[in-house]
PDB file of N, CA and C in Angstrom:
ATOM      1  N   MET A   1      30.169  37.464 -57.925  1.00  0.00           N
ATOM      2  CA  MET A   1      29.236  36.549 -57.295  1.00  0.00           C
ATOM      3  C   MET A   1      28.195  36.113 -58.334  1.00  0.00           C
ATOM      4  N   ASN A   2      27.883  34.854 -58.333  1.00  0.00           N
ATOM      5  CA  ASN A   2      26.957  34.268 -59.304  1.00  0.00           C
ATOM      6  C   ASN A   2      25.515  34.646 -58.964  1.00  0.00           C
ATOM      7  N   GLY A   3      24.708  34.976 -59.965  1.00  0.00           N
ATOM      8  CA  GLY A   3      23.306  35.312 -59.758  1.00  0.00           C
ATOM      9  C   GLY A   3      22.516  34.175 -59.148  1.00  0.00           C
ATOM     10  N   LYS A   4      22.836  32.930 -59.528  1.00  0.00           N
ATOM     11  CA  LYS A   4      22.138  31.777 -58.957  1.00  0.00           C
ATOM     12  C   LYS A   4      22.425  31.664 -57.473  1.00  0.00           C
ATOM     13  N   GLU A   5      23.667  31.954 -57.105  1.00  0.00           N
ATOM     14  CA  GLU A   5      24.071  31.898 -55.713  1.00  0.00           C
ATOM     15  C   GLU A   5      23.218  32.857 -54.882  1.00  0.00           C
ATOM     16  N   ILE A   6      23.007  34.057 -55.389  1.00  0.00           N
ATOM     17  CA  ILE A   6      22.235  35.071 -54.676  1.00  0.00           C
ATOM     18  C   ILE A   6      20.761  34.672 -54.601  1.00  0.00           C
ATOM     19  N   ALA A   7      20.225  34.092 -55.655  1.00  0.00           N
ATOM     20  CA  ALA A   7      18.799  33.762 -55.722  1.00  0.00           C
ATOM     21  C   ALA A   7      18.407  32.567 -54.868  1.00  0.00           C
ATOM     22  N   ILE A   8      19.359  31.728 -54.489  1.00  0.00           N
ATOM     23  CA  ILE A   8      19.028  30.524 -53.714  1.00  0.00           C
ATOM     24  C   ILE A   8      18.458  30.884 -52.344  1.00  0.00           C
ATOM     25  N   LEU A   9      19.097  31.810 -51.669  1.00  0.00           N
ATOM     26  CA  LEU A   9      18.702  32.134 -50.297  1.00  0.00           C
ATOM     27  C   LEU A   9      17.254  32.621 -50.189  1.00  0.00           C
ATOM     28  N   PRO A  10      16.825  33.609 -50.975  1.00  0.00           N
ATOM     29  CA  PRO A  10      15.418  34.015 -50.852  1.00  0.00           C
ATOM     30  C   PRO A  10      14.446  32.908 -51.281  1.00  0.00           C
ATOM     31  N   LYS A  11      14.851  32.081 -52.219  1.00  0.00           N
ATOM     32  CA  LYS A  11      13.981  30.995 -52.682  1.00  0.00           C
ATOM     33  C   LYS A  11      13.732  29.993 -51.556  1.00  0.00           C
ATOM     34  N   ILE A  12      14.794  29.571 -50.875  1.00  0.00           N
ATOM     35  CA  ILE A  12      14.629  28.601 -49.781  1.00  0.00           C
ATOM     36  C   ILE A  12      13.922  29.262 -48.596  1.00  0.00           C
ATOM     37  N   TYR A  13      14.200  30.537 -48.370  1.00  0.00           N
ATOM     38  CA  TYR A  13      13.551  31.270 -47.285  1.00  0.00           C
ATOM     39  C   TYR A  13      12.040  31.356 -47.523  1.00  0.00           C
ATOM     40  N   ASP A  14      11.650  31.704 -48.739  1.00  0.00           N
ATOM     41  CA  ASP A  14      10.222  31.792 -49.075  1.00  0.00           C
ATOM     42  C   ASP A  14       9.528  30.441 -48.932  1.00  0.00           C
ATOM     43  N   LEU A  15      10.213  29.370 -49.328  1.00  0.00           N
ATOM     44  CA  LEU A  15       9.628  28.037 -49.184  1.00  0.00           C
ATOM     45  C   LEU A  15       9.501  27.675 -47.706  1.00  0.00           C
ATOM     46  N   LEU A  16      10.472  28.053 -46.911  1.00  0.00           N
ATOM     47  CA  LEU A  16      10.395  27.818 -45.469  1.00  0.00           C
ATOM     48  C   LEU A  16       9.216  28.574 -44.858  1.00  0.00           C
ATOM     49  N   LEU A  17       9.025  29.822 -45.262  1.00  0.00           N
ATOM     50  CA  LEU A  17       7.870  30.590 -44.773  1.00  0.00           C
ATOM     51  C   LEU A  17       6.553  29.925 -45.167  1.00  0.00           C
ATOM     52  N   TRP A  18       6.509  29.372 -46.382  1.00  0.00           N
ATOM     53  CA  TRP A  18       5.294  28.726 -46.871  1.00  0.00           C
ATOM     54  C   TRP A  18       5.008  27.421 -46.128  1.00  0.00           C
ATOM     55  N   ILE A  19       6.053  26.639 -45.862  1.00  0.00           N
ATOM     56  CA  ILE A  19       5.826  25.310 -45.286  1.00  0.00           C
ATOM     57  C   ILE A  19       5.641  25.321 -43.769  1.00  0.00           C
ATOM     58  N   THR A  20       6.182  26.320 -43.081  1.00  0.00           N
ATOM     59  CA  THR A  20       6.132  26.310 -41.616  1.00  0.00           C
ATOM     60  C   THR A  20       4.712  26.184 -41.057  1.00  0.00           C
ATOM     61  N   PRO A  21       3.720  26.934 -41.545  1.00  0.00           N
ATOM     62  CA  PRO A  21       2.359  26.740 -41.008  1.00  0.00           C
ATOM     63  C   PRO A  21       1.812  25.335 -41.308  1.00  0.00           C
ATOM     64  N   LYS A  22       2.228  24.748 -42.405  1.00  0.00           N
ATOM     65  CA  LYS A  22       1.767  23.402 -42.752  1.00  0.00           C
ATOM     66  C   LYS A  22       2.366  22.375 -41.795  1.00  0.00           C
ATOM     67  N   LEU A  23       3.598  22.610 -41.372  1.00  0.00           N
ATOM     68  CA  LEU A  23       4.241  21.704 -40.421  1.00  0.00           C
ATOM     69  C   LEU A  23       3.525  21.739 -39.071  1.00  0.00           C
ATOM     70  N   ASP A  24       2.996  22.904 -38.722  1.00  0.00           N
ATOM     71  CA  ASP A  24       2.242  23.033 -37.468  1.00  0.00           C
ATOM     72  C   ASP A  24       0.972  22.193 -37.471  1.00  0.00           C
ATOM     73  N   LEU A  25       0.476  21.844 -38.657  1.00  0.00           N
ATOM     74  CA  LEU A  25      -0.764  21.073 -38.774  1.00  0.00           C
ATOM     75  C   LEU A  25      -0.540  19.557 -38.806  1.00  0.00           C
ATOM     76  N   PHE A  26       0.712  19.126 -38.752  1.00  0.00           N
ATOM     77  CA  PHE A  26       0.988  17.685 -38.747  1.00  0.00           C
ATOM     78  C   PHE A  26       0.326  17.042 -37.529  1.00  0.00           C
ATOM     79  N   PRO A  27      -0.137  15.802 -37.677  1.00  0.00           N
ATOM     80  CA  PRO A  27      -0.665  15.087 -36.509  1.00  0.00           C
ATOM     81  C   PRO A  27       0.400  15.026 -35.410  1.00  0.00           C
ATOM     82  N   LYS A  28      -0.055  15.053 -34.183  1.00  0.00           N
ATOM     83  CA  LYS A  28       0.859  15.093 -33.036  1.00  0.00           C
ATOM     84  C   LYS A  28       1.903  13.974 -33.088  1.00  0.00           C
ATOM     85  N   LYS A  29       1.484  12.790 -33.526  1.00  0.00           N
ATOM     86  CA  LYS A  29       2.429  11.665 -33.529  1.00  0.00           C
ATOM     87  C   LYS A  29       3.563  11.842 -34.540  1.00  0.00           C
ATOM     88  N   TYR A  30       3.403  12.749 -35.523  1.00  0.00           N
ATOM     89  CA  TYR A  30       4.450  13.001 -36.507  1.00  0.00           C
ATOM     90  C   TYR A  30       5.100  14.387 -36.367  1.00  0.00           C
ATOM     91  N   LYS A  31       4.459  15.241 -35.595  1.00  0.00           N
ATOM     92  CA  LYS A  31       4.921  16.632 -35.496  1.00  0.00           C
ATOM     93  C   LYS A  31       6.352  16.729 -34.970  1.00  0.00           C
ATOM     94  N   PHE A  32       6.654  15.969 -33.929  1.00  0.00           N
ATOM     95  CA  PHE A  32       7.958  16.108 -33.286  1.00  0.00           C
ATOM     96  C   PHE A  32       9.011  15.196 -33.893  1.00  0.00           C
ATOM     97  N   ILE A  33       8.604  14.310 -34.764  1.00  0.00           N
ATOM     98  CA  ILE A  33       9.559  13.419 -35.421  1.00  0.00           C
ATOM     99  C   ILE A  33       9.841  13.910 -36.838  1.00  0.00           C
ATOM    100  N   ILE A  34       8.801  14.103 -37.616  1.00  0.00           N
ATOM    101  CA  ILE A  34       8.974  14.445 -39.033  1.00  0.00           C
ATOM    102  C   ILE A  34       8.956  15.955 -39.259  1.00  0.00           C
ATOM    103  N   ALA A  35       7.931  16.634 -38.764  1.00  0.00           N
ATOM    104  CA  ALA A  35       7.800  18.079 -39.020  1.00  0.00           C
ATOM    105  C   ALA A  35       9.007  18.853 -38.477  1.00  0.00           C
ATOM    106  N   ASP A  36       9.426  18.527 -37.256  1.00  0.00           N
ATOM    107  CA  ASP A  36      10.577  19.222 -36.687  1.00  0.00           C
ATOM    108  C   ASP A  36      11.850  18.955 -37.487  1.00  0.00           C
ATOM    109  N   LYS A  37      11.982  17.750 -38.007  1.00  0.00           N
ATOM    110  CA  LYS A  37      13.160  17.400 -38.804  1.00  0.00           C
ATOM    111  C   LYS A  37      13.157  18.176 -40.127  1.00  0.00           C
ATOM    112  N   ILE A  38      11.985  18.289 -40.740  1.00  0.00           N
ATOM    113  CA  ILE A  38      11.888  19.069 -41.986  1.00  0.00           C
ATOM    114  C   ILE A  38      12.298  20.516 -41.722  1.00  0.00           C
ATOM    115  N   LEU A  39      11.760  21.101 -40.671  1.00  0.00           N
ATOM    116  CA  LEU A  39      12.099  22.478 -40.310  1.00  0.00           C
ATOM    117  C   LEU A  39      13.599  22.613 -40.050  1.00  0.00           C
ATOM    118  N   SER A  40      14.158  21.688 -39.292  1.00  0.00           N
ATOM    119  CA  SER A  40      15.596  21.716 -38.991  1.00  0.00           C
ATOM    120  C   SER A  40      16.432  21.619 -40.261  1.00  0.00           C
ATOM    121  N   ASN A  41      16.013  20.768 -41.193  1.00  0.00           N
ATOM    122  CA  ASN A  41      16.772  20.608 -42.438  1.00  0.00           C
ATOM    123  C   ASN A  41      16.696  21.864 -43.297  1.00  0.00           C
ATOM    124  N   PHE A  42      15.538  22.502 -43.347  1.00  0.00           N
ATOM    125  CA  PHE A  42      15.422  23.767 -44.084  1.00  0.00           C
ATOM    126  C   PHE A  42      16.350  24.821 -43.479  1.00  0.00           C
ATOM    127  N   ILE A  43      16.355  24.919 -42.160  1.00  0.00           N
ATOM    128  CA  ILE A  43      17.217  25.892 -41.494  1.00  0.00           C
ATOM    129  C   ILE A  43      18.684  25.550 -41.732  1.00  0.00           C
ATOM    130  N   LYS A  44      19.013  24.261 -41.728  1.00  0.00           N
ATOM    131  CA  LYS A  44      20.387  23.840 -42.011  1.00  0.00           C
ATOM    132  C   LYS A  44      20.798  24.249 -43.424  1.00  0.00           C
ATOM    133  N   VAL A  45      19.896  24.114 -44.387  1.00  0.00           N
ATOM    134  CA  VAL A  45      20.189  24.534 -45.757  1.00  0.00           C
ATOM    135  C   VAL A  45      20.491  26.034 -45.789  1.00  0.00           C
ATOM    136  N   ILE A  46      19.687  26.818 -45.111  1.00  0.00           N
ATOM    137  CA  ILE A  46      19.918  28.268 -45.062  1.00  0.00           C
ATOM    138  C   ILE A  46      21.285  28.570 -44.450  1.00  0.00           C
ATOM    139  N   GLU A  47      21.605  27.896 -43.355  1.00  0.00           N
ATOM    140  CA  GLU A  47      22.900  28.108 -42.713  1.00  0.00           C
ATOM    141  C   GLU A  47      24.046  27.749 -43.661  1.00  0.00           C
ATOM    142  N   LEU A  48      23.915  26.617 -44.344  1.00  0.00           N
ATOM    143  CA  LEU A  48      24.967  26.175 -45.261  1.00  0.00           C
ATOM    144  C   LEU A  48      25.126  27.124 -46.449  1.00  0.00           C
ATOM    145  N   ILE A  49      24.005  27.659 -46.940  1.00  0.00           N
ATOM    146  CA  ILE A  49      24.080  28.629 -48.043  1.00  0.00           C
ATOM    147  C   ILE A  49      24.878  29.852 -47.604  1.00  0.00           C
ATOM    148  N   ILE A  50      24.576  30.350 -46.420  1.00  0.00           N
ATOM    149  CA  ILE A  50      25.289  31.524 -45.902  1.00  0.00           C
ATOM    150  C   ILE A  50      26.765  31.200 -45.701  1.00  0.00           C
ATOM    151  N   GLU A  51      27.054  30.029 -45.129  1.00  0.00           N
ATOM    152  CA  GLU A  51      28.443  29.629 -44.916  1.00  0.00           C
ATOM    153  C   GLU A  51      29.184  29.484 -46.243  1.00  0.00           C
ATOM    154  N   ALA A  52      28.528  28.899 -47.236  1.00  0.00           N
ATOM    155  CA  ALA A  52      29.160  28.717 -48.548  1.00  0.00           C
ATOM    156  C   ALA A  52      29.371  30.060 -49.237  1.00  0.00           C
ATOM    157  N   LYS A  53      28.417  30.944 -49.067  1.00  0.00           N
ATOM    158  CA  LYS A  53      28.496  32.249 -49.732  1.00  0.00           C
ATOM    159  C   LYS A  53      29.632  33.103 -49.169  1.00  0.00           C
ATOM    160  N   TYR A  54      29.820  33.052 -47.862  1.00  0.00           N
ATOM    161  CA  TYR A  54      30.770  33.955 -47.229  1.00  0.00           C
ATOM    162  C   TYR A  54      32.030  33.289 -46.685  1.00  0.00           C
ATOM    163  N   GLY A  55      32.011  31.968 -46.571  1.00  0.00           N
ATOM    164  CA  GLY A  55      33.140  31.296 -45.954  1.00  0.00           C
ATOM    165  C   GLY A  55      34.031  30.585 -46.946  1.00  0.00           C
ATOM    166  N   LYS A  56      34.881  29.762 -46.405  1.00  0.00           N
ATOM    167  CA  LYS A  56      35.770  28.945 -47.217  1.00  0.00           C
ATOM    168  C   LYS A  56      35.126  27.578 -47.412  1.00  0.00           C
ATOM    169  N   ASP A  57      35.806  26.715 -48.142  1.00  0.00           N
ATOM    170  CA  ASP A  57      35.310  25.358 -48.410  1.00  0.00           C
ATOM    171  C   ASP A  57      33.946  25.383 -49.093  1.00  0.00           C
ATOM    172  N   LYS A  58      33.785  26.272 -50.077  1.00  0.00           N
ATOM    173  CA  LYS A  58      32.513  26.414 -50.793  1.00  0.00           C
ATOM    174  C   LYS A  58      32.020  25.082 -51.346  1.00  0.00           C
ATOM    175  N   LYS A  59      32.916  24.348 -51.992  1.00  0.00           N
ATOM    176  CA  LYS A  59      32.520  23.104 -52.636  1.00  0.00           C
ATOM    177  C   LYS A  59      31.964  22.103 -51.610  1.00  0.00           C
ATOM    178  N   GLU A  60      32.617  22.013 -50.479  1.00  0.00           N
ATOM    179  CA  GLU A  60      32.176  21.119 -49.412  1.00  0.00           C
ATOM    180  C   GLU A  60      30.798  21.536 -48.878  1.00  0.00           C
ATOM    181  N   LYS A  61      30.619  22.825 -48.696  1.00  0.00           N
ATOM    182  CA  LYS A  61      29.333  23.343 -48.194  1.00  0.00           C
ATOM    183  C   LYS A  61      28.218  23.125 -49.212  1.00  0.00           C
ATOM    184  N   ILE A  62      28.529  23.337 -50.480  1.00  0.00           N
ATOM    185  CA  ILE A  62      27.515  23.148 -51.522  1.00  0.00           C
ATOM    186  C   ILE A  62      27.111  21.680 -51.606  1.00  0.00           C
ATOM    187  N   PHE A  63      28.067  20.784 -51.458  1.00  0.00           N
ATOM    188  CA  PHE A  63      27.754  19.354 -51.419  1.00  0.00           C
ATOM    189  C   PHE A  63      26.839  19.047 -50.231  1.00  0.00           C
ATOM    190  N   ALA A  64      27.117  19.663 -49.086  1.00  0.00           N
ATOM    191  CA  ALA A  64      26.280  19.473 -47.892  1.00  0.00           C
ATOM    192  C   ALA A  64      24.865  20.013 -48.122  1.00  0.00           C
ATOM    193  N   ILE A  65      24.741  21.110 -48.860  1.00  0.00           N
ATOM    194  CA  ILE A  65      23.412  21.651 -49.194  1.00  0.00           C
ATOM    195  C   ILE A  65      22.634  20.617 -49.993  1.00  0.00           C
ATOM    196  N   ASN A  66      23.277  20.017 -50.989  1.00  0.00           N
ATOM    197  CA  ASN A  66      22.612  18.985 -51.790  1.00  0.00           C
ATOM    198  C   ASN A  66      22.165  17.811 -50.931  1.00  0.00           C
ATOM    199  N   THR A  67      22.997  17.428 -49.972  1.00  0.00           N
ATOM    200  CA  THR A  67      22.651  16.327 -49.067  1.00  0.00           C
ATOM    201  C   THR A  67      21.419  16.676 -48.235  1.00  0.00           C
ATOM    202  N   GLU A  68      21.393  17.884 -47.703  1.00  0.00           N
ATOM    203  CA  GLU A  68      20.242  18.315 -46.900  1.00  0.00           C
ATOM    204  C   GLU A  68      18.970  18.389 -47.750  1.00  0.00           C
ATOM    205  N   LEU A  69      19.100  18.853 -48.982  1.00  0.00           N
ATOM    206  CA  LEU A  69      17.929  18.905 -49.872  1.00  0.00           C
ATOM    207  C   LEU A  69      17.395  17.500 -50.139  1.00  0.00           C
ATOM    208  N   GLU A  70      18.281  16.532 -50.271  1.00  0.00           N
ATOM    209  CA  GLU A  70      17.844  15.151 -50.489  1.00  0.00           C
ATOM    210  C   GLU A  70      17.103  14.622 -49.260  1.00  0.00           C
ATOM    211  N   LYS A  71      17.561  14.977 -48.081  1.00  0.00           N
ATOM    212  CA  LYS A  71      16.860  14.600 -46.847  1.00  0.00           C
ATOM    213  C   LYS A  71      15.469  15.224 -46.817  1.00  0.00           C
ATOM    214  N   ILE A  72      15.382  16.496 -47.214  1.00  0.00           N
ATOM    215  CA  ILE A  72      14.083  17.175 -47.258  1.00  0.00           C
ATOM    216  C   ILE A  72      13.160  16.460 -48.235  1.00  0.00           C
ATOM    217  N   ARG A  73      13.670  16.106 -49.414  1.00  0.00           N
ATOM    218  CA  ARG A  73      12.845  15.395 -50.405  1.00  0.00           C
ATOM    219  C   ARG A  73      12.260  14.116 -49.816  1.00  0.00           C
ATOM    220  N   PHE A  74      13.094  13.368 -49.125  1.00  0.00           N
ATOM    221  CA  PHE A  74      12.641  12.112 -48.528  1.00  0.00           C
ATOM    222  C   PHE A  74      11.580  12.362 -47.456  1.00  0.00           C
ATOM    223  N   LEU A  75      11.828  13.327 -46.598  1.00  0.00           N
ATOM    224  CA  LEU A  75      10.876  13.612 -45.515  1.00  0.00           C
ATOM    225  C   LEU A  75       9.551  14.158 -46.048  1.00  0.00           C
ATOM    226  N   ILE A  76       9.610  14.935 -47.106  1.00  0.00           N
ATOM    227  CA  ILE A  76       8.385  15.461 -47.711  1.00  0.00           C
ATOM    228  C   ILE A  76       7.582  14.319 -48.328  1.00  0.00           C
ATOM    229  N   ARG A  77       8.275  13.414 -49.005  1.00  0.00           N
ATOM    230  CA  ARG A  77       7.577  12.256 -49.584  1.00  0.00           C
ATOM    231  C   ARG A  77       6.952  11.401 -48.484  1.00  0.00           C
ATOM    232  N   LEU A  78       7.676  11.193 -47.413  1.00  0.00           N
ATOM    233  CA  LEU A  78       7.143  10.446 -46.272  1.00  0.00           C
ATOM    234  C   LEU A  78       5.924  11.160 -45.699  1.00  0.00           C
ATOM    235  N   SER A  79       5.990  12.468 -45.604  1.00  0.00           N
ATOM    236  CA  SER A  79       4.856  13.259 -45.094  1.00  0.00           C
ATOM    237  C   SER A  79       3.623  13.076 -45.964  1.00  0.00           C
ATOM    238  N   LYS A  80       3.835  13.048 -47.269  1.00  0.00           N
ATOM    239  CA  LYS A  80       2.714  12.822 -48.193  1.00  0.00           C
ATOM    240  C   LYS A  80       2.138  11.427 -47.992  1.00  0.00           C
ATOM    241  N   ASP A  81       3.011  10.432 -47.918  1.00  0.00           N
ATOM    242  CA  ASP A  81       2.552   9.045 -47.781  1.00  0.00           C
ATOM    243  C   ASP A  81       1.856   8.792 -46.455  1.00  0.00           C
ATOM    244  N   LEU A  82       2.179   9.587 -45.438  1.00  0.00           N
ATOM    245  CA  LEU A  82       1.517   9.470 -44.134  1.00  0.00           C
ATOM    246  C   LEU A  82       0.315  10.409 -44.021  1.00  0.00           C
ATOM    247  N   ASN A  83      -0.028  11.062 -45.135  1.00  0.00           N
ATOM    248  CA  ASN A  83      -1.169  11.981 -45.206  1.00  0.00           C
ATOM    249  C   ASN A  83      -1.042  13.184 -44.272  1.00  0.00           C
ATOM    250  N   CYS A  84       0.184  13.625 -44.060  1.00  0.00           N
ATOM    251  CA  CYS A  84       0.419  14.826 -43.262  1.00  0.00           C
ATOM    252  C   CYS A  84       0.310  16.081 -44.127  1.00  0.00           C
ATOM    253  N   ILE A  85       0.545  15.918 -45.423  1.00  0.00           N
ATOM    254  CA  ILE A  85       0.380  17.012 -46.372  1.00  0.00           C
ATOM    255  C   ILE A  85      -0.420  16.490 -47.561  1.00  0.00           C
ATOM    256  N   THR A  86      -1.033  17.397 -48.270  1.00  0.00           N
ATOM    257  CA  THR A  86      -1.827  17.014 -49.439  1.00  0.00           C
ATOM    258  C   THR A  86      -0.928  16.745 -50.640  1.00  0.00           C
ATOM    259  N   ILE A  87      -1.488  16.099 -51.629  1.00  0.00           N
ATOM    260  CA  ILE A  87      -0.766  15.856 -52.884  1.00  0.00           C
ATOM    261  C   ILE A  87      -0.380  17.209 -53.509  1.00  0.00           C
ATOM    262  N   LYS A  88      -1.298  18.149 -53.462  1.00  0.00           N
ATOM    263  CA  LYS A  88      -1.035  19.481 -54.032  1.00  0.00           C
ATOM    264  C   LYS A  88       0.144  20.148 -53.325  1.00  0.00           C
ATOM    265  N   ASP A  89       0.167  20.062 -51.989  1.00  0.00           N
ATOM    266  CA  ASP A  89       1.288  20.615 -51.224  1.00  0.00           C
ATOM    267  C   ASP A  89       2.580  19.884 -51.557  1.00  0.00           C
ATOM    268  N   TYR A  90       2.495  18.570 -51.674  1.00  0.00           N
ATOM    269  CA  TYR A  90       3.667  17.757 -52.020  1.00  0.00           C
ATOM    270  C   TYR A  90       4.239  18.189 -53.367  1.00  0.00           C
ATOM    271  N   GLU A  91       3.368  18.374 -54.333  1.00  0.00           N
ATOM    272  CA  GLU A  91       3.820  18.781 -55.667  1.00  0.00           C
ATOM    273  C   GLU A  91       4.479  20.161 -55.629  1.00  0.00           C
ATOM    274  N   TYR A  92       3.880  21.078 -54.893  1.00  0.00           N
ATOM    275  CA  TYR A  92       4.434  22.427 -54.786  1.00  0.00           C
ATOM    276  C   TYR A  92       5.818  22.395 -54.127  1.00  0.00           C
ATOM    277  N   ILE A  93       5.920  21.700 -53.012  1.00  0.00           N
ATOM    278  CA  ILE A  93       7.196  21.627 -52.297  1.00  0.00           C
ATOM    279  C   ILE A  93       8.240  20.931 -53.162  1.00  0.00           C
ATOM    280  N   SER A  94       7.869  19.816 -53.759  1.00  0.00           N
ATOM    281  CA  SER A  94       8.815  19.059 -54.587  1.00  0.00           C
ATOM    282  C   SER A  94       9.329  19.893 -55.744  1.00  0.00           C
ATOM    283  N   GLN A  95       8.429  20.595 -56.401  1.00  0.00           N
ATOM    284  CA  GLN A  95       8.822  21.448 -57.530  1.00  0.00           C
ATOM    285  C   GLN A  95       9.830  22.502 -57.075  1.00  0.00           C
ATOM    286  N   ASN A  96       9.564  23.127 -55.949  1.00  0.00           N
ATOM    287  CA  ASN A  96      10.454  24.175 -55.446  1.00  0.00           C
ATOM    288  C   ASN A  96      11.785  23.623 -54.949  1.00  0.00           C
ATOM    289  N   VAL A  97      11.757  22.486 -54.270  1.00  0.00           N
ATOM    290  CA  VAL A  97      13.005  21.875 -53.802  1.00  0.00           C
ATOM    291  C   VAL A  97      13.850  21.446 -55.003  1.00  0.00           C
ATOM    292  N   ASN A  98      13.199  20.909 -56.031  1.00  0.00           N
ATOM    293  CA  ASN A  98      13.938  20.530 -57.242  1.00  0.00           C
ATOM    294  C   ASN A  98      14.549  21.750 -57.925  1.00  0.00           C
ATOM    295  N   GLU A  99      13.795  22.845 -57.968  1.00  0.00           N
ATOM    296  CA  GLU A  99      14.314  24.077 -58.559  1.00  0.00           C
ATOM    297  C   GLU A  99      15.524  24.591 -57.770  1.00  0.00           C
ATOM    298  N   ILE A 100      15.423  24.528 -56.461  1.00  0.00           N
ATOM    299  CA  ILE A 100      16.538  24.943 -55.606  1.00  0.00           C
ATOM    300  C   ILE A 100      17.738  24.024 -55.845  1.00  0.00           C
ATOM    301  N   GLY A 101      17.469  22.732 -55.986  1.00  0.00           N
ATOM    302  CA  GLY A 101      18.535  21.779 -56.279  1.00  0.00           C
ATOM    303  C   GLY A 101      19.255  22.106 -57.576  1.00  0.00           C
ATOM    304  N   LYS A 102      18.499  22.510 -58.589  1.00  0.00           N
ATOM    305  CA  LYS A 102      19.112  22.906 -59.864  1.00  0.00           C
ATOM    306  C   LYS A 102      19.963  24.165 -59.687  1.00  0.00           C
ATOM    307  N   MET A 103      19.487  25.077 -58.881  1.00  0.00           N
ATOM    308  CA  MET A 103      20.255  26.293 -58.616  1.00  0.00           C
ATOM    309  C   MET A 103      21.565  25.956 -57.900  1.00  0.00           C
ATOM    310  N   VAL A 104      21.480  25.037 -56.955  1.00  0.00           N
ATOM    311  CA  VAL A 104      22.678  24.610 -56.233  1.00  0.00           C
ATOM    312  C   VAL A 104      23.649  23.917 -57.194  1.00  0.00           C
ATOM    313  N   GLY A 105      23.102  23.105 -58.107  1.00  0.00           N
ATOM    314  CA  GLY A 105      23.937  22.463 -59.120  1.00  0.00           C
ATOM    315  C   GLY A 105      24.658  23.488 -59.983  1.00  0.00           C
ATOM    316  N   GLY A 106      23.964  24.543 -60.364  1.00  0.00           N
ATOM    317  CA  GLY A 106      24.584  25.621 -61.129  1.00  0.00           C
ATOM    318  C   GLY A 106      25.673  26.321 -60.329  1.00  0.00           C
ATOM    319  N   TRP A 107      25.425  26.494 -59.052  1.00  0.00           N
ATOM    320  CA  TRP A 107      26.410  27.117 -58.171  1.00  0.00           C
ATOM    321  C   TRP A 107      27.658  26.236 -58.085  1.00  0.00           C
ATOM    322  N   MET A 108      27.427  24.919 -57.992  1.00  0.00           N
ATOM    323  CA  MET A 108      28.540  23.973 -57.930  1.00  0.00           C
ATOM    324  C   MET A 108      29.383  24.061 -59.204  1.00  0.00           C
ATOM    325  N   LYS A 109      28.737  24.106 -60.364  1.00  0.00           N
ATOM    326  CA  LYS A 109      29.467  24.207 -61.634  1.00  0.00           C
ATOM    327  C   LYS A 109      30.256  25.517 -61.687  1.00  0.00           C
ATOM    328  N   PHE A 110      29.639  26.591 -61.253  1.00  0.00           N
ATOM    329  CA  PHE A 110      30.303  27.896 -61.229  1.00  0.00           C
ATOM    330  C   PHE A 110      31.525  27.844 -60.310  1.00  0.00           C
ATOM    331  N   THR A 111      31.393  27.223 -59.160  1.00  0.00           N
ATOM    332  CA  THR A 111      32.480  27.105 -58.204  1.00  0.00           C
ATOM    333  C   THR A 111      33.607  26.247 -58.774  1.00  0.00           C
ATOM    334  N   ASP A 112      33.250  25.151 -59.457  1.00  0.00           N
ATOM    335  CA  ASP A 112      34.258  24.289 -60.081  1.00  0.00           C
ATOM    336  C   ASP A 112      35.077  25.054 -61.109  1.00  0.00           C
ATOM    337  N   LYS A 113      34.417  25.927 -61.861  1.00  0.00           N
ATOM    338  CA  LYS A 113      35.111  26.710 -62.900  1.00  0.00           C
ATOM    339  C   LYS A 113      36.073  27.721 -62.281  1.00  0.00           C
ATOM    340  N   LYS A 114      35.712  28.247 -61.122  1.00  0.00           N
ATOM    341  CA  LYS A 114      36.547  29.254 -60.475  1.00  0.00           C
ATOM    342  C   LYS A 114      37.804  28.655 -59.843  1.00  0.00           C
ATOM    343  N   ILE A 115      37.719  27.380 -59.463  1.00  0.00           N
ATOM    344  CA  ILE A 115      38.835  26.737 -58.752  1.00  0.00           C
ATOM    345  C   ILE A 115      39.927  26.349 -59.718  1.00  0.00           C
TER     346      ILE A 115
END
């Protein structure tokens, strides 16, 4: 098992723990549209990581993880532009999501080599 593969799950989990209280502070008009979607996408990423780690179709699942991360990036940027999160929070989240994306990319390369 690849070390990057193992490190992805706690990294995304820690970011989810960090962002969840911030999502609770979104204005009511965005809470149920944007904040809930961000939370759902983070949880979907966690589910896909577990499925990819233990199931079949790893490559397909890893591609889906990248897709979900891209959705998160867009929603986080939208949250910043709507002033739901601070610039500092945006930078922190973006940096971590990008780092997770790089880890997923490494996992994809590792999976390609194994096939």
